[in-house]
Amino acid sequence: MSLWLRFETGGAEHFGTLDGETVTVWTGDMFAAPTRTSLQCPRADVRLLMPCRPGKMIGLWNNFHERAVKEELHRPEHPLYFLKSANSYARHGDPIRRPVGYGGAVVFEAELGIVIGRRCAGVSVEDAPASIFGYTCVNDVTARDLMRLDPAFVHWTRAKGFDTFGVFGPVIATGLDPARLRVRAVVDGEERQNYPVADMFFSPAEIVSRISHDMTLEPGDVIACGTSVGAGAMPDGATVEVAIDGIGSLVNRFG
């Protein structure tokens, strides 16, 4: 297993791997045979960036059995998804900002994120894992009260596309079995979500395969796998942690 990250030090951007508190610098393309160097630096001396630069972030809805039962939702025949625009991306440690003029609920959603490692279109479920570089933590932030303002149209893009509402990182973990992972959300020290990835309707391989038949997926694209029970509103000033063993913790303050 490796933990990949992008970081800034000495006024320059780099990418590399994290081993304990030591960062090793690599060169080339993270997703295409990068080269390890002998350069190392302490984790404390670098500024973490987003671990990749997604061309698009895709988010799933209604992908967990437990949540579907609780909310009386049907099992979808195909992954139900939306897009989050690039302006929404935020890194570990960035503040999540309340939209100007909006006083309603802003909701955290702790999720596993798939990071695509190679261009793929129309791949089979069996071949899909070869297109997955690794996994990251995602907080799919939502201005919930904006979603159903118009009875004729659900405002997925508006509610989920505000600046800082697509939070992911801090690293990308490779070599993990996603079916063995649990996703946790902790708000101001209180655990609010703790659910198994294995409860998904569509596994990561199925998600990548199905969506790749709808659109071409590119290296660095992130797919948020959806969330289960327990997601809820963040109080202003709250600190929110999305934690997945084997990947790490994504921590941000709201407001």
Protein backbone atom coordinates (compact mmCIF):
# COMPACT_ATOMS: atom_id res chain seq x y z
CA MET A 1 0.00 0.00 0.00
CA SER A 2 1.19 3.53 -0.78
CA LEU A 3 -0.11 6.96 0.18
CA TRP A 4 0.25 9.50 -2.64
CA LEU A 5 0.01 13.24 -2.15
CA ARG A 6 0.70 16.55 -3.80
CA PHE A 7 2.43 19.22 -1.80
CA GLU A 8 4.23 22.54 -1.88
CA THR A 9 7.65 23.24 -0.41
CA GLY A 10 10.24 25.88 -1.17
CA GLY A 11 7.77 27.69 -3.39
CA ALA A 12 7.40 24.73 -5.78
CA GLU A 13 4.76 22.03 -6.23
CA HIS A 14 5.68 18.34 -6.10
CA PHE A 15 4.04 14.96 -5.69
CA GLY A 16 5.25 11.95 -3.80
CA THR A 17 4.52 9.32 -1.20
CA LEU A 18 4.04 9.55 2.55
CA ASP A 19 5.64 7.06 4.92
CA GLY A 20 4.93 7.96 8.53
CA GLU A 21 6.16 11.53 8.85
CA THR A 22 8.48 11.41 5.83
CA VAL A 23 7.57 12.54 2.31
CA THR A 24 9.49 11.09 -0.63
CA VAL A 25 9.53 13.15 -3.83
CA TRP A 26 8.67 11.49 -7.16
CA THR A 27 8.90 12.93 -10.67
CA GLY A 28 7.03 12.46 -13.93
CA ASP A 29 3.30 11.73 -13.97
CA MET A 30 1.69 10.29 -10.86
CA PHE A 31 -0.64 8.20 -13.02
CA ALA A 32 1.88 7.07 -15.66
CA ALA A 33 5.04 5.33 -14.41
CA PRO A 34 6.45 8.02 -12.08
CA THR A 35 10.06 7.88 -10.95
CA ARG A 36 11.08 7.82 -7.29
CA THR A 37 13.86 10.22 -6.30
CA SER A 38 16.22 10.23 -3.34
CA LEU A 39 14.78 13.53 -2.09
CA GLN A 40 12.89 13.38 1.20
CA CYS A 41 11.48 15.94 3.59
CA PRO A 42 9.57 15.94 6.87
CA ARG A 43 5.79 16.00 6.58
CA ALA A 44 5.74 19.02 8.88
CA ASP A 45 7.76 21.04 6.37
CA VAL A 46 5.34 20.72 3.44
CA ARG A 47 1.98 22.30 2.65
CA LEU A 48 -0.52 19.72 1.47
CA LEU A 49 -2.39 20.39 -1.77
CA MET A 50 -5.31 18.50 -3.26
CA PRO A 51 -3.87 15.04 -3.98
CA CYS A 52 -4.86 15.29 -7.66
CA ARG A 53 -6.45 17.76 -10.05
CA PRO A 54 -9.75 16.21 -11.17
CA GLY A 55 -11.18 17.16 -14.53
CA LYS A 56 -14.52 16.23 -12.99
CA MET A 57 -15.93 15.04 -9.69
CA ILE A 58 -18.87 12.67 -9.94
CA GLY A 59 -21.06 12.05 -6.90
CA LEU A 60 -23.44 9.13 -6.35
CA TRP A 61 -26.79 9.23 -4.59
CA ASN A 62 -28.71 6.31 -3.04
CA ASN A 63 -25.88 3.77 -3.18
CA PHE A 64 -26.26 2.14 0.26
CA HIS A 65 -28.72 -0.51 1.41
CA GLU A 66 -29.09 0.79 4.98
CA ARG A 67 -29.90 4.32 3.88
CA ALA A 68 -32.32 3.11 1.22
CA VAL A 69 -34.22 1.08 3.81
CA LYS A 70 -34.34 3.97 6.27
CA GLU A 71 -35.52 6.50 3.67
CA GLU A 72 -37.75 4.04 1.77
CA LEU A 73 -35.78 4.42 -1.46
CA HIS A 74 -35.77 1.89 -4.27
CA ARG A 75 -32.65 0.10 -5.43
CA PRO A 76 -31.49 1.91 -8.59
CA GLU A 77 -30.93 0.00 -11.82
CA HIS A 78 -27.96 2.22 -12.69
CA PRO A 79 -25.79 4.48 -10.49
CA LEU A 80 -27.60 7.75 -9.82
CA TYR A 81 -25.07 10.56 -10.05
CA PHE A 82 -24.41 14.27 -10.44
CA LEU A 83 -21.34 16.40 -11.21
CA LYS A 84 -19.52 18.84 -8.95
CA SER A 85 -17.71 21.63 -10.79
CA ALA A 86 -14.01 22.45 -10.39
CA ASN A 87 -14.72 25.64 -8.45
CA SER A 88 -16.09 23.50 -5.60
CA TYR A 89 -12.84 21.60 -4.99
CA ALA A 90 -11.16 22.12 -1.61
CA ARG A 91 -8.27 20.44 0.15
CA HIS A 92 -7.65 19.13 3.63
CA GLY A 93 -7.52 22.08 6.03
CA ASP A 94 -9.37 24.54 3.80
CA PRO A 95 -12.40 26.26 5.36
CA ILE A 96 -15.81 25.18 4.06
CA ARG A 97 -17.60 28.45 3.41
CA ARG A 98 -21.31 29.10 3.88
CA PRO A 99 -22.78 30.50 0.64
CA VAL A 100 -23.40 34.24 0.82
CA GLY A 101 -27.06 34.99 1.52
CA TYR A 102 -27.93 31.37 2.38
CA GLY A 103 -29.01 30.67 5.96
CA GLY A 104 -30.24 27.11 5.57
CA ALA A 105 -28.72 23.74 6.44
CA VAL A 106 -25.26 22.92 5.08
CA VAL A 107 -24.82 19.16 5.26
CA PHE A 108 -21.68 17.01 5.53
CA GLU A 109 -21.59 13.66 3.74
CA ALA A 110 -18.62 11.40 4.47
CA GLU A 111 -17.77 9.27 1.45
CA LEU A 112 -15.16 7.04 -0.14
CA GLY A 113 -13.68 8.61 -3.26
CA ILE A 114 -12.41 6.62 -6.25
CA VAL A 115 -9.48 8.21 -8.10
CA ILE A 116 -9.20 7.21 -11.75
CA GLY A 117 -5.69 6.33 -12.90
CA ARG A 118 -6.07 5.72 -16.62
CA ARG A 119 -8.37 6.89 -19.39
CA CYS A 120 -11.29 4.51 -19.72
CA ALA A 121 -14.49 4.25 -21.72
CA GLY A 122 -16.88 1.33 -21.85
CA VAL A 123 -14.81 -0.92 -19.57
CA SER A 124 -16.18 -4.14 -18.13
CA VAL A 125 -16.59 -4.72 -14.40
CA GLU A 126 -13.73 -7.22 -14.59
CA ASP A 127 -11.38 -4.69 -16.23
CA ALA A 128 -12.49 -1.65 -14.20
CA PRO A 129 -10.05 -2.16 -11.26
CA ALA A 130 -7.13 -1.60 -13.66
CA SER A 131 -8.49 1.93 -14.24
CA ILE A 132 -8.66 2.74 -10.51
CA PHE A 133 -5.49 4.36 -9.20
CA GLY A 134 -6.60 4.48 -5.59
CA TYR A 135 -9.00 5.87 -3.00
CA THR A 136 -9.38 9.09 -1.03
CA CYS A 137 -11.69 10.70 1.54
CA VAL A 138 -14.51 12.96 0.32
CA ASN A 139 -16.85 15.37 2.07
CA ASP A 140 -19.70 15.96 -0.39
CA VAL A 141 -21.04 19.19 1.12
CA THR A 142 -24.62 20.16 0.27
CA ALA A 143 -26.81 23.23 0.77
CA ARG A 144 -29.76 20.95 1.45
CA ASP A 145 -32.52 23.56 1.59
CA LEU A 146 -31.82 24.66 -1.99
CA MET A 147 -32.34 21.27 -3.59
CA ARG A 148 -36.14 21.28 -3.91
CA LEU A 149 -37.02 24.95 -4.22
CA ASP A 150 -38.59 24.28 -7.62
CA PRO A 151 -41.06 21.38 -7.71
CA ALA A 152 -40.24 20.75 -11.36
CA PHE A 153 -36.46 20.37 -10.98
CA VAL A 154 -34.12 19.18 -8.23
CA HIS A 155 -31.18 21.58 -7.90
CA TRP A 156 -28.38 19.01 -7.53
CA THR A 157 -25.73 21.15 -9.22
CA ARG A 158 -26.60 24.34 -7.37
CA ALA A 159 -26.90 22.73 -3.94
CA LYS A 160 -23.64 20.81 -4.27
CA GLY A 161 -21.58 23.13 -6.47
CA PHE A 162 -20.76 26.09 -4.26
CA ASP A 163 -17.13 27.04 -3.73
CA THR A 164 -15.44 24.67 -1.20
CA PHE A 165 -18.28 22.11 -1.36
CA GLY A 166 -16.18 19.38 -3.05
CA VAL A 167 -13.65 18.55 -0.35
CA PHE A 168 -11.28 15.62 -0.82
CA GLY A 169 -7.91 14.29 0.32
CA PRO A 170 -5.53 14.47 2.05
CA VAL A 171 -3.93 11.56 0.16
CA ILE A 172 -4.71 8.84 -2.35
CA ALA A 173 -4.21 5.32 -1.00
CA THR A 174 -3.31 2.53 -3.40
CA GLY A 175 -3.35 -1.21 -2.80
CA LEU A 176 -6.51 -1.22 -0.65
CA ASP A 177 -9.45 -3.60 -0.76
CA PRO A 178 -12.37 -1.12 -0.64
CA ALA A 179 -14.83 -3.78 0.52
CA ARG A 180 -12.95 -3.95 3.85
CA LEU A 181 -13.16 -0.22 4.58
CA ARG A 182 -15.43 1.76 6.89
CA VAL A 183 -16.22 5.45 6.47
CA ARG A 184 -16.58 7.68 9.53
CA ALA A 185 -17.67 11.29 10.05
CA VAL A 186 -16.81 13.09 13.28
CA VAL A 187 -18.27 16.55 13.95
CA ASP A 188 -16.74 18.50 16.85
CA GLY A 189 -15.52 15.24 18.37
CA GLU A 190 -18.86 13.40 18.06
CA GLU A 191 -19.08 10.44 15.68
CA ARG A 192 -22.01 10.99 13.32
CA GLN A 193 -21.38 8.36 10.64
CA ASN A 194 -19.71 4.96 10.71
CA TYR A 195 -20.68 2.62 7.89
CA PRO A 196 -19.14 -0.19 5.79
CA VAL A 197 -18.26 0.32 2.15
CA ALA A 198 -19.41 -3.26 1.58
CA ASP A 199 -23.03 -2.07 2.03
CA MET A 200 -22.97 -0.36 -1.40
CA PHE A 201 -25.46 -1.29 -4.10
CA PHE A 202 -22.70 -0.72 -6.68
CA SER A 203 -19.10 -1.59 -5.80
CA PRO A 204 -16.26 0.68 -6.95
CA ALA A 205 -15.56 -1.59 -9.93
CA GLU A 206 -19.24 -1.58 -10.91
CA ILE A 207 -19.42 2.20 -10.51
CA VAL A 208 -16.42 2.78 -12.78
CA SER A 209 -17.69 0.31 -15.36
CA ARG A 210 -21.23 1.69 -15.47
CA ILE A 211 -20.22 5.35 -15.59
CA SER A 212 -17.50 4.68 -18.17
CA HIS A 213 -20.26 3.54 -20.50
CA ASP A 214 -21.89 6.96 -20.07
CA MET A 215 -18.79 9.18 -20.29
CA THR A 216 -15.05 8.81 -20.67
CA LEU A 217 -13.20 8.88 -17.38
CA GLU A 218 -9.78 10.53 -17.27
CA PRO A 219 -6.77 10.17 -14.93
CA GLY A 220 -7.35 12.21 -11.80
CA ASP A 221 -11.14 12.19 -12.02
CA VAL A 222 -12.77 11.55 -8.64
CA ILE A 223 -15.97 9.57 -8.08
CA ALA A 224 -17.59 9.99 -4.66
CA CYS A 225 -19.35 6.70 -3.91
CA GLY A 226 -22.33 8.15 -2.04
CA THR A 227 -23.06 8.18 1.68
CA SER A 228 -25.05 6.12 4.14
CA VAL A 229 -27.06 7.01 7.23
CA GLY A 230 -26.04 9.76 9.64
CA ALA A 231 -25.22 12.64 7.30
CA GLY A 232 -26.54 15.91 8.67
CA ALA A 233 -26.21 19.64 9.09
CA MET A 234 -22.98 21.21 10.31
CA PRO A 235 -23.23 23.93 12.96
CA ASP A 236 -21.42 27.15 12.02
CA GLY A 237 -17.86 26.91 13.29
CA ALA A 238 -17.87 23.10 13.45
CA THR A 239 -14.83 20.99 12.67
CA VAL A 240 -15.69 18.04 10.44
CA GLU A 241 -13.47 14.97 9.99
CA VAL A 242 -13.97 12.29 7.35
CA ALA A 243 -11.86 9.29 8.39
CA ILE A 244 -11.20 6.04 6.53
CA ASP A 245 -8.70 3.56 7.99
CA GLY A 246 -5.88 2.98 5.55
CA ILE A 247 -6.38 6.37 3.91
CA GLY A 248 -6.39 8.88 6.75
CA SER A 249 -8.44 11.84 7.91
CA LEU A 250 -9.81 14.78 5.95
CA VAL A 251 -10.39 17.65 8.37
CA ASN A 252 -12.07 20.99 7.63
CA ARG A 253 -13.80 23.74 9.56
CA PHE A 254 -17.20 25.02 8.45
CA GLY A 255 -17.71 28.75 8.43
